[in-house]
């Protein structure tokens, strides 16, 4: 399994945006959206891949996926 799939994603509905929002807390600025749940996840995976590619190009550290960060 690709490492980028292992990052925690927080998914919620935004009435204001009329879309699902996906946040990737371990990657600063890692946010995506979509009109459907599935589209939002797909877009988030693109954002994660691009975030990692950009970090590599810039020589920046890439956080290891830690899984669930907070507990309810």
Protein backbone atom coordinates (compact mmCIF):
# COMPACT_ATOMS: atom_id res chain seq x y z
CA UNK A 1 0.00 0.00 0.00
CA UNK A 2 1.24 3.46 -0.88
CA UNK A 3 2.32 5.50 2.16
CA UNK A 4 0.21 8.47 1.08
CA UNK A 5 -2.94 6.41 1.66
CA UNK A 6 -1.97 5.90 5.31
CA UNK A 7 -2.38 9.52 6.41
CA UNK A 8 -5.32 10.35 8.65
CA UNK A 9 -8.13 12.17 6.86
CA UNK A 10 -10.90 14.05 8.64
CA UNK A 11 -14.02 14.27 6.49
CA UNK A 12 -17.03 16.45 7.18
CA UNK A 13 -19.88 18.18 5.39
CA UNK A 14 -19.69 21.96 5.02
CA UNK A 15 -23.10 23.55 4.60
CA UNK A 16 -21.40 26.86 3.82
CA UNK A 17 -19.38 25.33 0.95
CA UNK A 18 -22.09 22.83 -0.01
CA UNK A 19 -19.36 20.20 -0.20
CA UNK A 20 -17.51 17.53 1.74
CA UNK A 21 -14.23 18.81 3.18
CA UNK A 22 -11.23 16.58 3.85
CA UNK A 23 -8.42 17.72 6.13
CA UNK A 24 -5.09 15.91 6.41
CA UNK A 25 -3.83 17.09 9.81
CA UNK A 26 -0.31 15.70 9.47
CA UNK A 27 0.34 17.73 6.29
CA UNK A 28 0.06 21.50 6.84
CA UNK A 29 -2.36 22.97 4.33
CA UNK A 30 -3.51 19.49 3.28
CA UNK A 31 -7.18 20.19 2.50
CA UNK A 32 -9.46 19.06 -0.32
CA UNK A 33 -13.16 19.12 -1.08
CA UNK A 34 -15.73 17.46 -3.29
CA UNK A 35 -19.44 17.49 -4.05
CA UNK A 36 -19.63 13.82 -3.03
CA UNK A 37 -17.87 11.88 -0.27
CA UNK A 38 -16.04 9.79 -2.87
CA UNK A 39 -14.94 12.83 -4.87
CA UNK A 40 -13.61 14.49 -1.72
CA UNK A 41 -11.53 11.41 -0.83
CA UNK A 42 -10.21 11.17 -4.40
CA UNK A 43 -9.24 14.84 -4.35
CA UNK A 44 -7.58 14.44 -0.94
CA UNK A 45 -5.40 11.63 -2.27
CA UNK A 46 -4.27 13.90 -5.10
CA UNK A 47 -3.47 16.68 -2.59
CA UNK A 48 -1.47 14.25 -0.43
CA UNK A 49 0.55 12.96 -3.40
CA UNK A 50 1.24 16.50 -4.61
CA UNK A 51 2.16 17.66 -1.10
CA UNK A 52 4.72 14.85 -0.81
CA UNK A 53 6.11 15.46 -4.32
CA UNK A 54 6.52 19.18 -3.61
CA UNK A 55 8.19 18.52 -0.25
CA UNK A 56 10.66 16.15 -1.94
CA UNK A 57 11.46 18.72 -4.65
CA UNK A 58 12.08 21.38 -1.99
CA UNK A 59 14.11 19.04 0.22
CA UNK A 60 11.65 19.33 3.08
CA UNK A 61 10.90 16.68 5.66
CA UNK A 62 7.89 14.47 4.98
CA UNK A 63 6.02 13.42 8.13
CA UNK A 64 5.54 9.69 8.61
CA UNK A 65 1.87 8.68 8.66
CA UNK A 66 0.92 8.11 12.30
CA UNK A 67 -2.66 7.02 11.84
CA UNK A 68 -5.31 8.31 14.17
CA UNK A 69 -4.08 11.39 16.00
CA UNK A 70 -6.98 12.14 18.34
CA UNK A 71 -9.52 10.04 20.13
CA UNK A 72 -13.13 10.96 20.77
